[in-house]
Amino acid sequence: MKLLLSCEYNMDTACVELRYSDGSMLAIDCIEVENLYGNSLAYRTELDYLIYNDPLAYADLILTGNVEAYLRTVSQKRYLD
């Protein structure tokens, strides 16, 4: 079983990189993800926030395929009563 050793955003390649204990590495191209899911400013802003502040949650969203549902949930307009 391979364990995740690190998950970080590499600004030089614009990728979130995941490194595993068996020496393998997975790179998620953030520009391509934004082109697929960043239909609005709110979506792009949320994706950028995750990239810089919680790259592991970002990678989890991409790898599980829950990106659209997550973005719809967090970008709903909330009104003050």
PDB file of N, CA and C in Angstrom:
ATOM      1  N   MET A   1       0.848  -1.182   0.000  1.00  0.00           N
ATOM      2  CA  MET A   1       0.000   0.000   0.000  1.00  0.00           C
ATOM      3  C   MET A   1       0.885   1.234   0.000  1.00  0.00           C
ATOM      4  N   LYS A   2       0.624   2.127  -0.933  1.00  0.00           N
ATOM      5  CA  LYS A   2       1.432   3.334  -0.974  1.00  0.00           C
ATOM      6  C   LYS A   2       0.771   4.440  -0.153  1.00  0.00           C
ATOM      7  N   LEU A   3       1.584   5.151   0.576  1.00  0.00           N
ATOM      8  CA  LEU A   3       1.118   6.235   1.433  1.00  0.00           C
ATOM      9  C   LEU A   3       1.447   7.567   0.791  1.00  0.00           C
ATOM     10  N   LEU A   4       0.578   8.532   0.984  1.00  0.00           N
ATOM     11  CA  LEU A   4       0.816   9.880   0.497  1.00  0.00           C
ATOM     12  C   LEU A   4       1.827  10.555   1.411  1.00  0.00           C
ATOM     13  N   LEU A   5       2.928  10.992   0.829  1.00  0.00           N
ATOM     14  CA  LEU A   5       3.972  11.657   1.610  1.00  0.00           C
ATOM     15  C   LEU A   5       3.812  13.169   1.623  1.00  0.00           C
ATOM     16  N   SER A   6       3.457  13.733   0.466  1.00  0.00           N
ATOM     17  CA  SER A   6       3.307  15.183   0.410  1.00  0.00           C
ATOM     18  C   SER A   6       2.316  15.578  -0.676  1.00  0.00           C
ATOM     19  N   CYS A   7       1.725  16.727  -0.480  1.00  0.00           N
ATOM     20  CA  CYS A   7       0.800  17.302  -1.448  1.00  0.00           C
ATOM     21  C   CYS A   7       1.014  18.805  -1.399  1.00  0.00           C
ATOM     22  N   GLU A   8       1.475  19.374  -2.509  1.00  0.00           N
ATOM     23  CA  GLU A   8       1.739  20.817  -2.524  1.00  0.00           C
ATOM     24  C   GLU A   8       1.542  21.378  -3.918  1.00  0.00           C
ATOM     25  N   TYR A   9       1.306  22.668  -3.957  1.00  0.00           N
ATOM     26  CA  TYR A   9       1.162  23.377  -5.225  1.00  0.00           C
ATOM     27  C   TYR A   9       2.528  23.832  -5.696  1.00  0.00           C
ATOM     28  N   ASN A  10       2.872  23.488  -6.929  1.00  0.00           N
ATOM     29  CA  ASN A  10       4.122  23.909  -7.537  1.00  0.00           C
ATOM     30  C   ASN A  10       3.817  25.080  -8.469  1.00  0.00           C
ATOM     31  N   MET A  11       4.221  26.262  -8.073  1.00  0.00           N
ATOM     32  CA  MET A  11       3.915  27.464  -8.831  1.00  0.00           C
ATOM     33  C   MET A  11       4.619  27.492 -10.194  1.00  0.00           C
ATOM     34  N   ASP A  12       5.763  26.843 -10.292  1.00  0.00           N
ATOM     35  CA  ASP A  12       6.513  26.829 -11.554  1.00  0.00           C
ATOM     36  C   ASP A  12       5.804  26.043 -12.646  1.00  0.00           C
ATOM     37  N   THR A  13       5.129  24.967 -12.262  1.00  0.00           N
ATOM     38  CA  THR A  13       4.445  24.131 -13.250  1.00  0.00           C
ATOM     39  C   THR A  13       2.934  24.311 -13.242  1.00  0.00           C
ATOM     40  N   ALA A  14       2.413  25.080 -12.297  1.00  0.00           N
ATOM     41  CA  ALA A  14       0.970  25.294 -12.113  1.00  0.00           C
ATOM     42  C   ALA A  14       0.253  23.964 -11.902  1.00  0.00           C
ATOM     43  N   CYS A  15       0.865  23.094 -11.085  1.00  0.00           N
ATOM     44  CA  CYS A  15       0.302  21.782 -10.797  1.00  0.00           C
ATOM     45  C   CYS A  15       0.283  21.537  -9.292  1.00  0.00           C
ATOM     46  N   VAL A  16      -0.739  20.820  -8.853  1.00  0.00           N
ATOM     47  CA  VAL A  16      -0.738  20.284  -7.499  1.00  0.00           C
ATOM     48  C   VAL A  16      -0.073  18.914  -7.613  1.00  0.00           C
ATOM     49  N   GLU A  17       0.994  18.729  -6.867  1.00  0.00           N
ATOM     50  CA  GLU A  17       1.783  17.506  -6.970  1.00  0.00           C
ATOM     51  C   GLU A  17       1.608  16.651  -5.720  1.00  0.00           C
ATOM     52  N   LEU A  18       1.304  15.386  -5.934  1.00  0.00           N
ATOM     53  CA  LEU A  18       1.168  14.421  -4.848  1.00  0.00           C
ATOM     54  C   LEU A  18       2.302  13.420  -4.973  1.00  0.00           C
ATOM     55  N   ARG A  19       3.052  13.215  -3.886  1.00  0.00           N
ATOM     56  CA  ARG A  19       4.156  12.259  -3.874  1.00  0.00           C
ATOM     57  C   ARG A  19       3.812  11.113  -2.925  1.00  0.00           C
ATOM     58  N   TYR A  20       4.058   9.885  -3.396  1.00  0.00           N
ATOM     59  CA  TYR A  20       3.715   8.683  -2.641  1.00  0.00           C
ATOM     60  C   TYR A  20       4.962   7.947  -2.177  1.00  0.00           C
ATOM     61  N   SER A  21       4.779   7.067  -1.207  1.00  0.00           N
ATOM     62  CA  SER A  21       5.898   6.362  -0.586  1.00  0.00           C
ATOM     63  C   SER A  21       6.608   5.404  -1.531  1.00  0.00           C
ATOM     64  N   ASP A  22       5.955   4.961  -2.590  1.00  0.00           N
ATOM     65  CA  ASP A  22       6.609   4.050  -3.532  1.00  0.00           C
ATOM     66  C   ASP A  22       7.412   4.781  -4.603  1.00  0.00           C
ATOM     67  N   GLY A  23       7.520   6.107  -4.468  1.00  0.00           N
ATOM     68  CA  GLY A  23       8.293   6.902  -5.406  1.00  0.00           C
ATOM     69  C   GLY A  23       7.485   7.486  -6.549  1.00  0.00           C
ATOM     70  N   SER A  24       6.225   7.113  -6.664  1.00  0.00           N
ATOM     71  CA  SER A  24       5.401   7.649  -7.742  1.00  0.00           C
ATOM     72  C   SER A  24       4.927   9.060  -7.400  1.00  0.00           C
ATOM     73  N   MET A  25       4.552   9.788  -8.445  1.00  0.00           N
ATOM     74  CA  MET A  25       4.097  11.160  -8.282  1.00  0.00           C
ATOM     75  C   MET A  25       2.924  11.401  -9.221  1.00  0.00           C
ATOM     76  N   LEU A  26       1.962  12.157  -8.754  1.00  0.00           N
ATOM     77  CA  LEU A  26       0.810  12.532  -9.557  1.00  0.00           C
ATOM     78  C   LEU A  26       0.763  14.053  -9.604  1.00  0.00           C
ATOM     79  N   ALA A  27       0.635  14.609 -10.799  1.00  0.00           N
ATOM     80  CA  ALA A  27       0.557  16.061 -10.959  1.00  0.00           C
ATOM     81  C   ALA A  27      -0.789  16.414 -11.586  1.00  0.00           C
ATOM     82  N   ILE A  28      -1.524  17.298 -10.943  1.00  0.00           N
ATOM     83  CA  ILE A  28      -2.817  17.756 -11.444  1.00  0.00           C
ATOM     84  C   ILE A  28      -2.618  19.137 -12.052  1.00  0.00           C
ATOM     85  N   ASP A  29      -2.881  19.262 -13.338  1.00  0.00           N
ATOM     86  CA  ASP A  29      -2.710  20.518 -14.059  1.00  0.00           C
ATOM     87  C   ASP A  29      -3.851  21.475 -13.688  1.00  0.00           C
ATOM     88  N   CYS A  30      -3.552  22.475 -12.891  1.00  0.00           N
ATOM     89  CA  CYS A  30      -4.568  23.396 -12.376  1.00  0.00           C
ATOM     90  C   CYS A  30      -5.157  24.287 -13.465  1.00  0.00           C
ATOM     91  N   ILE A  31      -4.385  24.613 -14.460  1.00  0.00           N
ATOM     92  CA  ILE A  31      -4.892  25.447 -15.557  1.00  0.00           C
ATOM     93  C   ILE A  31      -5.962  24.686 -16.331  1.00  0.00           C
ATOM     94  N   GLU A  32      -5.720  23.406 -16.583  1.00  0.00           N
ATOM     95  CA  GLU A  32      -6.693  22.588 -17.294  1.00  0.00           C
ATOM     96  C   GLU A  32      -7.974  22.422 -16.480  1.00  0.00           C
ATOM     97  N   VAL A  33      -7.834  22.257 -15.181  1.00  0.00           N
ATOM     98  CA  VAL A  33      -9.009  22.123 -14.308  1.00  0.00           C
ATOM     99  C   VAL A  33      -9.822  23.412 -14.332  1.00  0.00           C
ATOM    100  N   GLU A  34      -9.148  24.557 -14.260  1.00  0.00           N
ATOM    101  CA  GLU A  34      -9.879  25.835 -14.316  1.00  0.00           C
ATOM    102  C   GLU A  34     -10.563  26.017 -15.659  1.00  0.00           C
ATOM    103  N   ASN A  35      -9.953  25.558 -16.731  1.00  0.00           N
ATOM    104  CA  ASN A  35     -10.596  25.654 -18.035  1.00  0.00           C
ATOM    105  C   ASN A  35     -11.846  24.777 -18.114  1.00  0.00           C
ATOM    106  N   LEU A  36     -11.834  23.647 -17.419  1.00  0.00           N
ATOM    107  CA  LEU A  36     -12.993  22.748 -17.433  1.00  0.00           C
ATOM    108  C   LEU A  36     -14.113  23.214 -16.511  1.00  0.00           C
ATOM    109  N   TYR A  37     -13.765  23.669 -15.316  1.00  0.00           N
ATOM    110  CA  TYR A  37     -14.773  23.951 -14.294  1.00  0.00           C
ATOM    111  C   TYR A  37     -14.930  25.421 -13.933  1.00  0.00           C
ATOM    112  N   GLY A  38     -14.028  26.277 -14.353  1.00  0.00           N
ATOM    113  CA  GLY A  38     -14.069  27.675 -13.945  1.00  0.00           C
ATOM    114  C   GLY A  38     -14.959  28.522 -14.824  1.00  0.00           C
ATOM    115  N   ASN A  39     -16.244  28.198 -14.850  1.00  0.00           N
ATOM    116  CA  ASN A  39     -17.186  28.903 -15.711  1.00  0.00           C
ATOM    117  C   ASN A  39     -17.516  30.304 -15.230  1.00  0.00           C
ATOM    118  N   SER A  40     -17.309  30.551 -13.962  1.00  0.00           N
ATOM    119  CA  SER A  40     -17.638  31.864 -13.412  1.00  0.00           C
ATOM    120  C   SER A  40     -16.500  32.334 -12.514  1.00  0.00           C
ATOM    121  N   LEU A  41     -16.535  33.591 -12.183  1.00  0.00           N
ATOM    122  CA  LEU A  41     -15.520  34.161 -11.304  1.00  0.00           C
ATOM    123  C   LEU A  41     -15.566  33.506  -9.925  1.00  0.00           C
ATOM    124  N   ALA A  42     -16.763  33.207  -9.441  1.00  0.00           N
ATOM    125  CA  ALA A  42     -16.894  32.563  -8.131  1.00  0.00           C
ATOM    126  C   ALA A  42     -16.252  31.179  -8.134  1.00  0.00           C
ATOM    127  N   TYR A  43     -16.447  30.417  -9.206  1.00  0.00           N
ATOM    128  CA  TYR A  43     -15.844  29.082  -9.316  1.00  0.00           C
ATOM    129  C   TYR A  43     -14.321  29.179  -9.354  1.00  0.00           C
ATOM    130  N   ARG A  44     -13.801  30.082 -10.172  1.00  0.00           N
ATOM    131  CA  ARG A  44     -12.341  30.236 -10.282  1.00  0.00           C
ATOM    132  C   ARG A  44     -11.734  30.695  -8.967  1.00  0.00           C
ATOM    133  N   THR A  45     -12.427  31.582  -8.284  1.00  0.00           N
ATOM    134  CA  THR A  45     -11.940  32.075  -6.998  1.00  0.00           C
ATOM    135  C   THR A  45     -11.866  30.945  -5.981  1.00  0.00           C
ATOM    136  N   GLU A  46     -12.891  30.112  -5.934  1.00  0.00           N
ATOM    137  CA  GLU A  46     -12.890  28.992  -4.990  1.00  0.00           C
ATOM    138  C   GLU A  46     -11.795  27.987  -5.329  1.00  0.00           C
ATOM    139  N   LEU A  47     -11.606  27.696  -6.604  1.00  0.00           N
ATOM    140  CA  LEU A  47     -10.539  26.775  -7.003  1.00  0.00           C
ATOM    141  C   LEU A  47      -9.168  27.340  -6.635  1.00  0.00           C
ATOM    142  N   ASP A  48      -8.970  28.630  -6.875  1.00  0.00           N
ATOM    143  CA  ASP A  48      -7.695  29.264  -6.511  1.00  0.00           C
ATOM    144  C   ASP A  48      -7.465  29.229  -5.005  1.00  0.00           C
ATOM    145  N   TYR A  49      -8.510  29.470  -4.246  1.00  0.00           N
ATOM    146  CA  TYR A  49      -8.390  29.427  -2.788  1.00  0.00           C
ATOM    147  C   TYR A  49      -7.907  28.048  -2.340  1.00  0.00           C
ATOM    148  N   LEU A  50      -8.526  27.010  -2.873  1.00  0.00           N
ATOM    149  CA  LEU A  50      -8.143  25.646  -2.493  1.00  0.00           C
ATOM    150  C   LEU A  50      -6.709  25.323  -2.912  1.00  0.00           C
ATOM    151  N   ILE A  51      -6.322  25.759  -4.089  1.00  0.00           N
ATOM    152  CA  ILE A  51      -4.966  25.476  -4.574  1.00  0.00           C
ATOM    153  C   ILE A  51      -3.932  26.021  -3.597  1.00  0.00           C
ATOM    154  N   TYR A  52      -4.105  27.249  -3.166  1.00  0.00           N
ATOM    155  CA  TYR A  52      -3.099  27.896  -2.315  1.00  0.00           C
ATOM    156  C   TYR A  52      -3.230  27.535  -0.835  1.00  0.00           C
ATOM    157  N   ASN A  53      -4.445  27.297  -0.355  1.00  0.00           N
ATOM    158  CA  ASN A  53      -4.662  27.111   1.075  1.00  0.00           C
ATOM    159  C   ASN A  53      -4.897  25.662   1.508  1.00  0.00           C
ATOM    160  N   ASP A  54      -5.400  24.828   0.609  1.00  0.00           N
ATOM    161  CA  ASP A  54      -5.663  23.427   0.965  1.00  0.00           C
ATOM    162  C   ASP A  54      -5.509  22.547  -0.280  1.00  0.00           C
ATOM    163  N   PRO A  55      -4.278  22.373  -0.750  1.00  0.00           N
ATOM    164  CA  PRO A  55      -4.076  21.585  -1.976  1.00  0.00           C
ATOM    165  C   PRO A  55      -4.523  20.133  -1.848  1.00  0.00           C
ATOM    166  N   LEU A  56      -4.511  19.587  -0.637  1.00  0.00           N
ATOM    167  CA  LEU A  56      -4.965  18.208  -0.459  1.00  0.00           C
ATOM    168  C   LEU A  56      -6.470  18.096  -0.713  1.00  0.00           C
ATOM    169  N   ALA A  57      -7.254  19.040  -0.228  1.00  0.00           N
ATOM    170  CA  ALA A  57      -8.691  19.047  -0.492  1.00  0.00           C
ATOM    171  C   ALA A  57      -8.962  19.253  -1.979  1.00  0.00           C
ATOM    172  N   TYR A  58      -8.162  20.100  -2.624  1.00  0.00           N
ATOM    173  CA  TYR A  58      -8.272  20.324  -4.064  1.00  0.00           C
ATOM    174  C   TYR A  58      -8.033  19.014  -4.811  1.00  0.00           C
ATOM    175  N   ALA A  59      -6.954  18.318  -4.473  1.00  0.00           N
ATOM    176  CA  ALA A  59      -6.630  17.055  -5.131  1.00  0.00           C
ATOM    177  C   ALA A  59      -7.728  16.029  -4.897  1.00  0.00           C
ATOM    178  N   ASP A  60      -8.262  15.989  -3.687  1.00  0.00           N
ATOM    179  CA  ASP A  60      -9.329  15.055  -3.371  1.00  0.00           C
ATOM    180  C   ASP A  60     -10.562  15.326  -4.227  1.00  0.00           C
ATOM    181  N   LEU A  61     -10.925  16.583  -4.400  1.00  0.00           N
ATOM    182  CA  LEU A  61     -12.066  16.935  -5.247  1.00  0.00           C
ATOM    183  C   LEU A  61     -11.854  16.468  -6.682  1.00  0.00           C
ATOM    184  N   ILE A  62     -10.679  16.697  -7.210  1.00  0.00           N
ATOM    185  CA  ILE A  62     -10.391  16.337  -8.593  1.00  0.00           C
ATOM    186  C   ILE A  62     -10.395  14.818  -8.754  1.00  0.00           C
ATOM    187  N   LEU A  63      -9.745  14.118  -7.850  1.00  0.00           N
ATOM    188  CA  LEU A  63      -9.607  12.671  -7.977  1.00  0.00           C
ATOM    189  C   LEU A  63     -10.912  11.920  -7.732  1.00  0.00           C
ATOM    190  N   THR A  64     -11.797  12.478  -6.910  1.00  0.00           N
ATOM    191  CA  THR A  64     -13.087  11.828  -6.664  1.00  0.00           C
ATOM    192  C   THR A  64     -14.149  12.258  -7.669  1.00  0.00           C
ATOM    193  N   GLY A  65     -13.908  13.340  -8.397  1.00  0.00           N
ATOM    194  CA  GLY A  65     -14.861  13.803  -9.402  1.00  0.00           C
ATOM    195  C   GLY A  65     -16.013  14.604  -8.849  1.00  0.00           C
ATOM    196  N   ASN A  66     -15.854  15.166  -7.657  1.00  0.00           N
ATOM    197  CA  ASN A  66     -16.924  15.934  -7.019  1.00  0.00           C
ATOM    198  C   ASN A  66     -16.792  17.440  -7.215  1.00  0.00           C
ATOM    199  N   VAL A  67     -16.066  17.865  -8.209  1.00  0.00           N
ATOM    200  CA  VAL A  67     -15.765  19.283  -8.378  1.00  0.00           C
ATOM    201  C   VAL A  67     -17.024  20.100  -8.642  1.00  0.00           C
ATOM    202  N   GLU A  68     -17.833  19.672  -9.594  1.00  0.00           N
ATOM    203  CA  GLU A  68     -19.021  20.463  -9.952  1.00  0.00           C
ATOM    204  C   GLU A  68     -19.991  20.605  -8.788  1.00  0.00           C
ATOM    205  N   ALA A  69     -20.254  19.521  -8.092  1.00  0.00           N
ATOM    206  CA  ALA A  69     -21.178  19.579  -6.958  1.00  0.00           C
ATOM    207  C   ALA A  69     -20.633  20.489  -5.862  1.00  0.00           C
ATOM    208  N   TYR A  70     -19.341  20.394  -5.587  1.00  0.00           N
ATOM    209  CA  TYR A  70     -18.717  21.245  -4.578  1.00  0.00           C
ATOM    210  C   TYR A  70     -18.829  22.721  -4.967  1.00  0.00           C
ATOM    211  N   LEU A  71     -18.507  23.040  -6.212  1.00  0.00           N
ATOM    212  CA  LEU A  71     -18.543  24.442  -6.647  1.00  0.00           C
ATOM    213  C   LEU A  71     -19.963  25.002  -6.618  1.00  0.00           C
ATOM    214  N   ARG A  72     -20.942  24.200  -7.000  1.00  0.00           N
ATOM    215  CA  ARG A  72     -22.330  24.671  -6.930  1.00  0.00           C
ATOM    216  C   ARG A  72     -22.749  24.935  -5.490  1.00  0.00           C
ATOM    217  N   THR A  73     -22.280  24.096  -4.581  1.00  0.00           N
ATOM    218  CA  THR A  73     -22.645  24.242  -3.164  1.00  0.00           C
ATOM    219  C   THR A  73     -22.023  25.489  -2.547  1.00  0.00           C
ATOM    220  N   VAL A  74     -20.735  25.696  -2.758  1.00  0.00           N
ATOM    221  CA  VAL A  74     -20.062  26.819  -2.101  1.00  0.00           C
ATOM    222  C   VAL A  74     -20.342  28.162  -2.754  1.00  0.00           C
ATOM    223  N   SER A  75     -20.806  28.160  -3.991  1.00  0.00           N
ATOM    224  CA  SER A  75     -21.012  29.448  -4.653  1.00  0.00           C
ATOM    225  C   SER A  75     -22.472  29.886  -4.660  1.00  0.00           C
ATOM    226  N   GLN A  76     -23.334  29.203  -3.905  1.00  0.00           N
ATOM    227  CA  GLN A  76     -24.721  29.633  -3.827  1.00  0.00           C
ATOM    228  C   GLN A  76     -24.797  30.998  -3.161  1.00  0.00           C
ATOM    229  N   LYS A  77     -25.705  31.817  -3.675  1.00  0.00           N
ATOM    230  CA  LYS A  77     -25.889  33.151  -3.091  1.00  0.00           C
ATOM    231  C   LYS A  77     -26.581  32.997  -1.734  1.00  0.00           C
ATOM    232  N   ARG A  78     -26.048  33.671  -0.783  1.00  0.00           N
ATOM    233  CA  ARG A  78     -26.623  33.642   0.562  1.00  0.00           C
ATOM    234  C   ARG A  78     -27.103  35.064   0.885  1.00  0.00           C
ATOM    235  N   TYR A  79     -28.333  35.151   1.333  1.00  0.00           N
ATOM    236  CA  TYR A  79     -28.923  36.451   1.636  1.00  0.00           C
ATOM    237  C   TYR A  79     -29.016  36.638   3.140  1.00  0.00           C
ATOM    238  N   LEU A  80     -28.788  37.841   3.580  1.00  0.00           N
ATOM    239  CA  LEU A  80     -28.941  38.170   4.983  1.00  0.00           C
ATOM    240  C   LEU A  80     -30.412  38.415   5.290  1.00  0.00           C
ATOM    241  N   ASP A  81     -30.881  37.917   6.406  1.00  0.00           N
ATOM    242  CA  ASP A  81     -32.292  38.114   6.778  1.00  0.00           C
ATOM    243  C   ASP A  81     -32.478  39.443   7.436  1.00  0.00           C
TER     244      ASP A  81
END
